[in-house]
């Protein structure tokens, strides 16, 4: 999985996506999203690194089966938080 951490003064945004879908354009009706390398391509990491990053995130954008499974495993999301875009599972995390 690719993991990129975007930091600001108060926020830690974790962007994670499965390696196989980086760069993909997902289309669902009139909605489209591009999993662009600038946002998602950080380090190629394993499950443990993704889980640690998600636990510390204030916001996360998660795409792909493996990435979603990590988020479920560390209990930052559950099945009710997942949508599919063009057959690819996606979830977002916001902590307030």
PDB file of N, CA and C in Angstrom:
ATOM      1  N   UNK A   1       0.840  -1.170   0.000  1.00  0.00           N
ATOM      2  CA  UNK A   1       0.000   0.000   0.000  1.00  0.00           C
ATOM      3  C   UNK A   1       0.887   1.236   0.000  1.00  0.00           C
ATOM      4  N   UNK A   2       0.376   2.281  -0.627  1.00  0.00           N
ATOM      5  CA  UNK A   2       1.060   3.566  -0.577  1.00  0.00           C
ATOM      6  C   UNK A   2       0.461   4.398   0.543  1.00  0.00           C
ATOM      7  N   UNK A   3       1.337   5.048   1.290  1.00  0.00           N
ATOM      8  CA  UNK A   3       0.939   5.882   2.420  1.00  0.00           C
ATOM      9  C   UNK A   3       1.652   7.216   2.311  1.00  0.00           C
ATOM     10  N   UNK A   4       0.877   8.279   2.388  1.00  0.00           N
ATOM     11  CA  UNK A   4       1.464   9.615   2.413  1.00  0.00           C
ATOM     12  C   UNK A   4       0.791  10.393   3.525  1.00  0.00           C
ATOM     13  N   UNK A   5       1.598  11.029   4.338  1.00  0.00           N
ATOM     14  CA  UNK A   5       1.080  11.809   5.456  1.00  0.00           C
ATOM     15  C   UNK A   5       1.245  13.285   5.129  1.00  0.00           C
ATOM     16  N   UNK A   6       0.130  14.001   5.182  1.00  0.00           N
ATOM     17  CA  UNK A   6       0.102  15.444   4.937  1.00  0.00           C
ATOM     18  C   UNK A   6      -0.127  16.107   6.295  1.00  0.00           C
ATOM     19  N   UNK A   7       0.805  16.953   6.701  1.00  0.00           N
ATOM     20  CA  UNK A   7       0.705  17.597   8.016  1.00  0.00           C
ATOM     21  C   UNK A   7       0.465  19.099   7.870  1.00  0.00           C
ATOM     22  N   UNK A   8      -0.338  19.615   8.771  1.00  0.00           N
ATOM     23  CA  UNK A   8      -0.494  21.056   8.911  1.00  0.00           C
ATOM     24  C   UNK A   8      -0.333  21.363  10.395  1.00  0.00           C
ATOM     25  N   UNK A   9      -0.578  22.579  10.757  1.00  0.00           N
ATOM     26  CA  UNK A   9      -0.354  22.983  12.146  1.00  0.00           C
ATOM     27  C   UNK A   9      -1.075  22.090  13.158  1.00  0.00           C
ATOM     28  N   UNK A  10      -2.336  21.766  12.877  1.00  0.00           N
ATOM     29  CA  UNK A  10      -3.129  20.975  13.831  1.00  0.00           C
ATOM     30  C   UNK A  10      -3.605  19.635  13.300  1.00  0.00           C
ATOM     31  N   UNK A  11      -3.425  19.399  12.033  1.00  0.00           N
ATOM     32  CA  UNK A  11      -4.018  18.216  11.416  1.00  0.00           C
ATOM     33  C   UNK A  11      -2.971  17.242  10.891  1.00  0.00           C
ATOM     34  N   UNK A  12      -3.327  15.967  10.940  1.00  0.00           N
ATOM     35  CA  UNK A  12      -2.541  14.904  10.310  1.00  0.00           C
ATOM     36  C   UNK A  12      -3.486  14.170   9.369  1.00  0.00           C
ATOM     37  N   UNK A  13      -3.314  14.422   8.078  1.00  0.00           N
ATOM     38  CA  UNK A  13      -4.140  13.773   7.070  1.00  0.00           C
ATOM     39  C   UNK A  13      -3.360  12.596   6.507  1.00  0.00           C
ATOM     40  N   UNK A  14      -3.928  11.415   6.636  1.00  0.00           N
ATOM     41  CA  UNK A  14      -3.307  10.196   6.122  1.00  0.00           C
ATOM     42  C   UNK A  14      -4.019   9.806   4.830  1.00  0.00           C
ATOM     43  N   UNK A  15      -3.246   9.699   3.763  1.00  0.00           N
ATOM     44  CA  UNK A  15      -3.759   9.234   2.471  1.00  0.00           C
ATOM     45  C   UNK A  15      -3.171   7.855   2.228  1.00  0.00           C
ATOM     46  N   UNK A  16      -4.034   6.871   2.042  1.00  0.00           N
ATOM     47  CA  UNK A  16      -3.557   5.499   1.826  1.00  0.00           C
ATOM     48  C   UNK A  16      -4.384   4.835   0.731  1.00  0.00           C
ATOM     49  N   UNK A  17      -3.680   4.154  -0.167  1.00  0.00           N
ATOM     50  CA  UNK A  17      -4.380   3.393  -1.201  1.00  0.00           C
ATOM     51  C   UNK A  17      -3.573   2.156  -1.564  1.00  0.00           C
ATOM     52  N   UNK A  18      -4.276   1.161  -2.027  1.00  0.00           N
ATOM     53  CA  UNK A  18      -3.620  -0.065  -2.476  1.00  0.00           C
ATOM     54  C   UNK A  18      -2.698   0.247  -3.652  1.00  0.00           C
ATOM     55  N   UNK A  19      -1.587  -0.426  -3.692  1.00  0.00           N
ATOM     56  CA  UNK A  19      -0.580  -0.211  -4.736  1.00  0.00           C
ATOM     57  C   UNK A  19      -1.168  -0.346  -6.139  1.00  0.00           C
ATOM     58  N   UNK A  20      -2.026  -1.327  -6.328  1.00  0.00           N
ATOM     59  CA  UNK A  20      -2.562  -1.659  -7.647  1.00  0.00           C
ATOM     60  C   UNK A  20      -3.472  -0.578  -8.235  1.00  0.00           C
ATOM     61  N   UNK A  21      -4.012   0.297  -7.397  1.00  0.00           N
ATOM     62  CA  UNK A  21      -4.966   1.282  -7.911  1.00  0.00           C
ATOM     63  C   UNK A  21      -4.409   2.699  -7.962  1.00  0.00           C
ATOM     64  N   UNK A  22      -3.170   2.894  -7.535  1.00  0.00           N
ATOM     65  CA  UNK A  22      -2.569   4.222  -7.607  1.00  0.00           C
ATOM     66  C   UNK A  22      -2.601   4.715  -9.050  1.00  0.00           C
ATOM     67  N   UNK A  23      -3.074   5.928  -9.238  1.00  0.00           N
ATOM     68  CA  UNK A  23      -3.167   6.507 -10.574  1.00  0.00           C
ATOM     69  C   UNK A  23      -4.473   6.228 -11.293  1.00  0.00           C
ATOM     70  N   UNK A  24      -5.311   5.377 -10.727  1.00  0.00           N
ATOM     71  CA  UNK A  24      -6.578   5.014 -11.377  1.00  0.00           C
ATOM     72  C   UNK A  24      -7.566   6.175 -11.346  1.00  0.00           C
ATOM     73  N   UNK A  25      -8.414   6.216 -12.348  1.00  0.00           N
ATOM     74  CA  UNK A  25      -9.552   7.132 -12.363  1.00  0.00           C
ATOM     75  C   UNK A  25     -10.790   6.282 -12.145  1.00  0.00           C
ATOM     76  N   UNK A  26     -11.477   6.529 -11.055  1.00  0.00           N
ATOM     77  CA  UNK A  26     -12.678   5.776 -10.705  1.00  0.00           C
ATOM     78  C   UNK A  26     -13.900   6.608 -11.074  1.00  0.00           C
ATOM     79  N   UNK A  27     -14.826   5.998 -11.791  1.00  0.00           N
ATOM     80  CA  UNK A  27     -16.016   6.706 -12.259  1.00  0.00           C
ATOM     81  C   UNK A  27     -17.250   5.970 -11.762  1.00  0.00           C
ATOM     82  N   UNK A  28     -18.171   6.732 -11.188  1.00  0.00           N
ATOM     83  CA  UNK A  28     -19.437   6.179 -10.714  1.00  0.00           C
ATOM     84  C   UNK A  28     -20.541   7.156 -11.110  1.00  0.00           C
ATOM     85  N   UNK A  29     -21.195   6.882 -12.217  1.00  0.00           N
ATOM     86  CA  UNK A  29     -22.206   7.808 -12.722  1.00  0.00           C
ATOM     87  C   UNK A  29     -21.553   9.108 -13.147  1.00  0.00           C
ATOM     88  N   UNK A  30     -22.028  10.213 -12.602  1.00  0.00           N
ATOM     89  CA  UNK A  30     -21.464  11.519 -12.951  1.00  0.00           C
ATOM     90  C   UNK A  30     -20.307  11.912 -12.034  1.00  0.00           C
ATOM     91  N   UNK A  31     -19.963  11.045 -11.105  1.00  0.00           N
ATOM     92  CA  UNK A  31     -18.892  11.323 -10.144  1.00  0.00           C
ATOM     93  C   UNK A  31     -17.619  10.600 -10.563  1.00  0.00           C
ATOM     94  N   UNK A  32     -16.490  11.291 -10.485  1.00  0.00           N
ATOM     95  CA  UNK A  32     -15.201  10.664 -10.800  1.00  0.00           C
ATOM     96  C   UNK A  32     -14.159  11.123  -9.791  1.00  0.00           C
ATOM     97  N   UNK A  33     -13.249  10.224  -9.466  1.00  0.00           N
ATOM     98  CA  UNK A  33     -12.144  10.562  -8.569  1.00  0.00           C
ATOM     99  C   UNK A  33     -10.868   9.960  -9.154  1.00  0.00           C
ATOM    100  N   UNK A  34      -9.797  10.726  -9.088  1.00  0.00           N
ATOM    101  CA  UNK A  34      -8.493  10.276  -9.584  1.00  0.00           C
ATOM    102  C   UNK A  34      -7.596  10.042  -8.378  1.00  0.00           C
ATOM    103  N   UNK A  35      -7.038   8.843  -8.293  1.00  0.00           N
ATOM    104  CA  UNK A  35      -6.127   8.512  -7.191  1.00  0.00           C
ATOM    105  C   UNK A  35      -4.727   8.954  -7.608  1.00  0.00           C
ATOM    106  N   UNK A  36      -4.509  10.257  -7.546  1.00  0.00           N
ATOM    107  CA  UNK A  36      -3.289  10.797  -8.114  1.00  0.00           C
ATOM    108  C   UNK A  36      -2.070  10.605  -7.216  1.00  0.00           C
ATOM    109  N   UNK A  37      -0.948  10.445  -7.886  1.00  0.00           N
ATOM    110  CA  UNK A  37       0.304  10.146  -7.200  1.00  0.00           C
ATOM    111  C   UNK A  37       0.734  11.273  -6.278  1.00  0.00           C
ATOM    112  N   UNK A  38       0.448  12.504  -6.646  1.00  0.00           N
ATOM    113  CA  UNK A  38       0.849  13.639  -5.818  1.00  0.00           C
ATOM    114  C   UNK A  38       0.239  13.550  -4.413  1.00  0.00           C
ATOM    115  N   UNK A  39      -0.975  13.065  -4.337  1.00  0.00           N
ATOM    116  CA  UNK A  39      -1.663  12.985  -3.047  1.00  0.00           C
ATOM    117  C   UNK A  39      -1.402  11.671  -2.317  1.00  0.00           C
ATOM    118  N   UNK A  40      -1.371  10.547  -3.030  1.00  0.00           N
ATOM    119  CA  UNK A  40      -1.307   9.224  -2.397  1.00  0.00           C
ATOM    120  C   UNK A  40       0.072   8.578  -2.375  1.00  0.00           C
ATOM    121  N   UNK A  41       0.936   8.901  -3.332  1.00  0.00           N
ATOM    122  CA  UNK A  41       2.195   8.158  -3.442  1.00  0.00           C
ATOM    123  C   UNK A  41       3.251   8.734  -2.506  1.00  0.00           C
ATOM    124  N   UNK A  42       3.323   8.101  -1.353  1.00  0.00           N
ATOM    125  CA  UNK A  42       4.384   8.394  -0.411  1.00  0.00           C
ATOM    126  C   UNK A  42       5.277   7.177  -0.373  1.00  0.00           C
ATOM    127  N   UNK A  43       5.285   6.525   0.769  1.00  0.00           N
ATOM    128  CA  UNK A  43       6.084   5.314   0.931  1.00  0.00           C
ATOM    129  C   UNK A  43       5.238   4.081   0.656  1.00  0.00           C
ATOM    130  N   UNK A  44       5.884   3.066   0.104  1.00  0.00           N
ATOM    131  CA  UNK A  44       5.258   1.757  -0.058  1.00  0.00           C
ATOM    132  C   UNK A  44       5.479   1.019   1.257  1.00  0.00           C
ATOM    133  N   UNK A  45       4.387   0.738   1.982  1.00  0.00           N
ATOM    134  CA  UNK A  45       4.499   0.240   3.355  1.00  0.00           C
ATOM    135  C   UNK A  45       3.642  -1.003   3.574  1.00  0.00           C
ATOM    136  N   UNK A  46       3.867  -1.645   4.722  1.00  0.00           N
ATOM    137  CA  UNK A  46       3.071  -2.818   5.070  1.00  0.00           C
ATOM    138  C   UNK A  46       1.912  -2.427   5.987  1.00  0.00           C
ATOM    139  N   UNK A  47       1.126  -3.420   6.322  1.00  0.00           N
ATOM    140  CA  UNK A  47      -0.083  -3.233   7.128  1.00  0.00           C
ATOM    141  C   UNK A  47       0.195  -2.545   8.463  1.00  0.00           C
ATOM    142  N   UNK A  48       1.255  -2.922   9.153  1.00  0.00           N
ATOM    143  CA  UNK A  48       1.538  -2.352  10.470  1.00  0.00           C
ATOM    144  C   UNK A  48       1.794  -0.855  10.409  1.00  0.00           C
ATOM    145  N   UNK A  49       2.489  -0.400   9.390  1.00  0.00           N
ATOM    146  CA  UNK A  49       2.767   1.030   9.235  1.00  0.00           C
ATOM    147  C   UNK A  49       1.473   1.787   8.947  1.00  0.00           C
ATOM    148  N   UNK A  50       0.628   1.221   8.102  1.00  0.00           N
ATOM    149  CA  UNK A  50      -0.660   1.851   7.796  1.00  0.00           C
ATOM    150  C   UNK A  50      -1.508   1.956   9.059  1.00  0.00           C
ATOM    151  N   UNK A  51      -1.578   0.897   9.822  1.00  0.00           N
ATOM    152  CA  UNK A  51      -2.374   0.897  11.055  1.00  0.00           C
ATOM    153  C   UNK A  51      -1.876   1.956  12.027  1.00  0.00           C
ATOM    154  N   UNK A  52      -0.572   2.045  12.229  1.00  0.00           N
ATOM    155  CA  UNK A  52      -0.016   3.066  13.130  1.00  0.00           C
ATOM    156  C   UNK A  52      -0.366   4.472  12.653  1.00  0.00           C
ATOM    157  N   UNK A  53      -0.254   4.708  11.350  1.00  0.00           N
ATOM    158  CA  UNK A  53      -0.572   6.027  10.804  1.00  0.00           C
ATOM    159  C   UNK A  53      -2.051   6.358  10.978  1.00  0.00           C
ATOM    160  N   UNK A  54      -2.922   5.401  10.714  1.00  0.00           N
ATOM    161  CA  UNK A  54      -4.356   5.643  10.856  1.00  0.00           C
ATOM    162  C   UNK A  54      -4.744   5.934  12.298  1.00  0.00           C
ATOM    163  N   UNK A  55      -4.086   5.290  13.238  1.00  0.00           N
ATOM    164  CA  UNK A  55      -4.389   5.530  14.655  1.00  0.00           C
ATOM    165  C   UNK A  55      -4.063   6.961  15.068  1.00  0.00           C
ATOM    166  N   UNK A  56      -3.076   7.582  14.423  1.00  0.00           N
ATOM    167  CA  UNK A  56      -2.683   8.940  14.801  1.00  0.00           C
ATOM    168  C   UNK A  56      -3.315  10.013  13.912  1.00  0.00           C
ATOM    169  N   UNK A  57      -4.047   9.607  12.896  1.00  0.00           N
ATOM    170  CA  UNK A  57      -4.625  10.558  11.940  1.00  0.00           C
ATOM    171  C   UNK A  57      -5.777  11.347  12.543  1.00  0.00           C
ATOM    172  N   UNK A  58      -5.869  12.613  12.162  1.00  0.00           N
ATOM    173  CA  UNK A  58      -7.068  13.385  12.472  1.00  0.00           C
ATOM    174  C   UNK A  58      -8.057  13.284  11.315  1.00  0.00           C
ATOM    175  N   UNK A  59      -7.517  13.038  10.123  1.00  0.00           N
ATOM    176  CA  UNK A  59      -8.309  12.851   8.913  1.00  0.00           C
ATOM    177  C   UNK A  59      -7.621  11.788   8.071  1.00  0.00           C
ATOM    178  N   UNK A  60      -8.405  10.968   7.388  1.00  0.00           N
ATOM    179  CA  UNK A  60      -7.803   9.973   6.500  1.00  0.00           C
ATOM    180  C   UNK A  60      -8.682   9.777   5.275  1.00  0.00           C
ATOM    181  N   UNK A  61      -8.024   9.496   4.174  1.00  0.00           N
ATOM    182  CA  UNK A  61      -8.680   9.189   2.916  1.00  0.00           C
ATOM    183  C   UNK A  61      -8.144   7.834   2.484  1.00  0.00           C
ATOM    184  N   UNK A  62      -9.019   6.835   2.404  1.00  0.00           N
ATOM    185  CA  UNK A  62      -8.612   5.431   2.293  1.00  0.00           C
ATOM    186  C   UNK A  62      -9.284   4.791   1.079  1.00  0.00           C
ATOM    187  N   UNK A  63      -8.465   4.204   0.192  1.00  0.00           N
ATOM    188  CA  UNK A  63      -8.978   3.530  -1.002  1.00  0.00           C
ATOM    189  C   UNK A  63      -8.356   2.157  -1.152  1.00  0.00           C
ATOM    190  N   UNK A  64      -9.189   1.164  -1.471  1.00  0.00           N
ATOM    191  CA  UNK A  64      -8.714  -0.175  -1.796  1.00  0.00           C
ATOM    192  C   UNK A  64      -8.982  -1.191  -0.702  1.00  0.00           C
ATOM    193  N   UNK A  65      -9.067  -2.452  -1.106  1.00  0.00           N
ATOM    194  CA  UNK A  65      -9.390  -3.553  -0.180  1.00  0.00           C
ATOM    195  C   UNK A  65      -8.397  -3.654   0.976  1.00  0.00           C
ATOM    196  N   UNK A  66      -7.106  -3.668   0.661  1.00  0.00           N
ATOM    197  CA  UNK A  66      -6.089  -3.833   1.709  1.00  0.00           C
ATOM    198  C   UNK A  66      -6.099  -2.655   2.669  1.00  0.00           C
ATOM    199  N   UNK A  67      -6.162  -1.454   2.124  1.00  0.00           N
ATOM    200  CA  UNK A  67      -6.168  -0.254   2.956  1.00  0.00           C
ATOM    201  C   UNK A  67      -7.402  -0.219   3.859  1.00  0.00           C
ATOM    202  N   UNK A  68      -8.555  -0.532   3.296  1.00  0.00           N
ATOM    203  CA  UNK A  68      -9.797  -0.570   4.077  1.00  0.00           C
ATOM    204  C   UNK A  68      -9.708  -1.620   5.184  1.00  0.00           C
ATOM    205  N   UNK A  69      -9.159  -2.787   4.872  1.00  0.00           N
ATOM    206  CA  UNK A  69      -9.011  -3.833   5.892  1.00  0.00           C
ATOM    207  C   UNK A  69      -8.132  -3.376   7.047  1.00  0.00           C
ATOM    208  N   UNK A  70      -7.099  -2.602   6.764  1.00  0.00           N
ATOM    209  CA  UNK A  70      -6.259  -2.054   7.835  1.00  0.00           C
ATOM    210  C   UNK A  70      -7.070  -1.113   8.728  1.00  0.00           C
ATOM    211  N   UNK A  71      -7.877  -0.267   8.107  1.00  0.00           N
ATOM    212  CA  UNK A  71      -8.694   0.680   8.867  1.00  0.00           C
ATOM    213  C   UNK A  71      -9.718  -0.034   9.740  1.00  0.00           C
ATOM    214  N   UNK A  72     -10.288  -1.115   9.231  1.00  0.00           N
ATOM    215  CA  UNK A  72     -11.228  -1.911  10.028  1.00  0.00           C
ATOM    216  C   UNK A  72     -10.490  -2.604  11.167  1.00  0.00           C
ATOM    217  N   UNK A  73      -9.341  -3.160  10.857  1.00  0.00           N
ATOM    218  CA  UNK A  73      -8.561  -3.898  11.855  1.00  0.00           C
ATOM    219  C   UNK A  73      -8.186  -3.022  13.051  1.00  0.00           C
ATOM    220  N   UNK A  74      -7.849  -1.758  12.793  1.00  0.00           N
ATOM    221  CA  UNK A  74      -7.473  -0.879  13.910  1.00  0.00           C
ATOM    222  C   UNK A  74      -8.662  -0.079  14.440  1.00  0.00           C
ATOM    223  N   UNK A  75      -9.854  -0.401  13.945  1.00  0.00           N
ATOM    224  CA  UNK A  75     -11.119   0.120  14.457  1.00  0.00           C
ATOM    225  C   UNK A  75     -11.295   1.630  14.300  1.00  0.00           C
ATOM    226  N   UNK A  76     -10.724   2.198  13.233  1.00  0.00           N
ATOM    227  CA  UNK A  76     -10.989   3.610  12.967  1.00  0.00           C
ATOM    228  C   UNK A  76     -12.206   3.788  12.063  1.00  0.00           C
ATOM    229  N   UNK A  77     -12.601   2.706  11.385  1.00  0.00           N
ATOM    230  CA  UNK A  77     -13.854   2.684  10.628  1.00  0.00           C
ATOM    231  C   UNK A  77     -14.512   1.326  10.843  1.00  0.00           C
ATOM    232  N   UNK A  78     -15.777   1.227  10.428  1.00  0.00           N
ATOM    233  CA  UNK A  78     -16.447  -0.074  10.413  1.00  0.00           C
ATOM    234  C   UNK A  78     -17.136  -0.243   9.057  1.00  0.00           C
ATOM    235  N   UNK A  79     -17.763  -1.376   8.849  1.00  0.00           N
ATOM    236  CA  UNK A  79     -18.383  -1.687   7.558  1.00  0.00           C
ATOM    237  C   UNK A  79     -19.395  -0.627   7.111  1.00  0.00           C
ATOM    238  N   UNK A  80     -20.068   0.012   8.064  1.00  0.00           N
ATOM    239  CA  UNK A  80     -21.071   1.029   7.728  1.00  0.00           C
ATOM    240  C   UNK A  80     -20.463   2.294   7.146  1.00  0.00           C
ATOM    241  N   UNK A  81     -19.150   2.485   7.307  1.00  0.00           N
ATOM    242  CA  UNK A  81     -18.471   3.683   6.819  1.00  0.00           C
ATOM    243  C   UNK A  81     -17.935   3.539   5.396  1.00  0.00           C
ATOM    244  N   UNK A  82     -18.093   2.379   4.792  1.00  0.00           N
ATOM    245  CA  UNK A  82     -17.460   2.086   3.508  1.00  0.00           C
ATOM    246  C   UNK A  82     -18.451   2.269   2.361  1.00  0.00           C
ATOM    247  N   UNK A  83     -17.998   2.978   1.332  1.00  0.00           N
ATOM    248  CA  UNK A  83     -18.756   3.054   0.087  1.00  0.00           C
ATOM    249  C   UNK A  83     -17.893   2.430  -1.015  1.00  0.00           C
ATOM    250  N   UNK A  84     -18.496   2.190  -2.151  1.00  0.00           N
ATOM    251  CA  UNK A  84     -17.735   1.715  -3.304  1.00  0.00           C
ATOM    252  C   UNK A  84     -17.852   2.731  -4.421  1.00  0.00           C
ATOM    253  N   UNK A  85     -16.714   3.036  -5.021  1.00  0.00           N
ATOM    254  CA  UNK A  85     -16.672   3.904  -6.189  1.00  0.00           C
ATOM    255  C   UNK A  85     -16.047   3.090  -7.310  1.00  0.00           C
ATOM    256  N   UNK A  86     -16.817   2.825  -8.334  1.00  0.00           N
ATOM    257  CA  UNK A  86     -16.343   2.029  -9.468  1.00  0.00           C
ATOM    258  C   UNK A  86     -15.804   0.673  -9.006  1.00  0.00           C
ATOM    259  N   UNK A  87     -16.463   0.103  -7.991  1.00  0.00           N
ATOM    260  CA  UNK A  87     -16.077  -1.212  -7.484  1.00  0.00           C
ATOM    261  C   UNK A  87     -14.935  -1.215  -6.487  1.00  0.00           C
ATOM    262  N   UNK A  88     -14.400  -0.038  -6.163  1.00  0.00           N
ATOM    263  CA  UNK A  88     -13.271   0.061  -5.226  1.00  0.00           C
ATOM    264  C   UNK A  88     -13.786   0.587  -3.888  1.00  0.00           C
ATOM    265  N   UNK A  89     -13.505  -0.128  -2.783  1.00  0.00           N
ATOM    266  CA  UNK A  89     -13.955   0.350  -1.478  1.00  0.00           C
ATOM    267  C   UNK A  89     -13.225   1.630  -1.062  1.00  0.00           C
ATOM    268  N   UNK A  90     -13.982   2.512  -0.410  1.00  0.00           N
ATOM    269  CA  UNK A  90     -13.459   3.817   0.000  1.00  0.00           C
ATOM    270  C   UNK A  90     -14.089   4.221   1.325  1.00  0.00           C
ATOM    271  N   UNK A  91     -13.292   4.865   2.154  1.00  0.00           N
ATOM    272  CA  UNK A  91     -13.804   5.441   3.402  1.00  0.00           C
ATOM    273  C   UNK A  91     -12.984   6.673   3.737  1.00  0.00           C
ATOM    274  N   UNK A  92     -13.610   7.547   4.508  1.00  0.00           N
ATOM    275  CA  UNK A  92     -12.916   8.718   5.026  1.00  0.00           C
ATOM    276  C   UNK A  92     -13.069   8.734   6.532  1.00  0.00           C
ATOM    277  N   UNK A  93     -12.068   9.271   7.181  1.00  0.00           N
ATOM    278  CA  UNK A  93     -12.053   9.380   8.636  1.00  0.00           C
ATOM    279  C   UNK A  93     -11.915  10.848   9.002  1.00  0.00           C
ATOM    280  N   UNK A  94     -12.750  11.309   9.929  1.00  0.00           N
ATOM    281  CA  UNK A  94     -12.657  12.664  10.459  1.00  0.00           C
ATOM    282  C   UNK A  94     -12.787  12.590  11.969  1.00  0.00           C
ATOM    283  N   UNK A  95     -11.796  13.074  12.663  1.00  0.00           N
ATOM    284  CA  UNK A  95     -11.875  13.148  14.124  1.00  0.00           C
ATOM    285  C   UNK A  95     -12.055  14.605  14.510  1.00  0.00           C
ATOM    286  N   UNK A  96     -13.019  14.845  15.403  1.00  0.00           N
ATOM    287  CA  UNK A  96     -13.270  16.222  15.845  1.00  0.00           C
ATOM    288  C   UNK A  96     -13.107  16.336  17.332  1.00  0.00           C
TER     289      UNK A  96
END
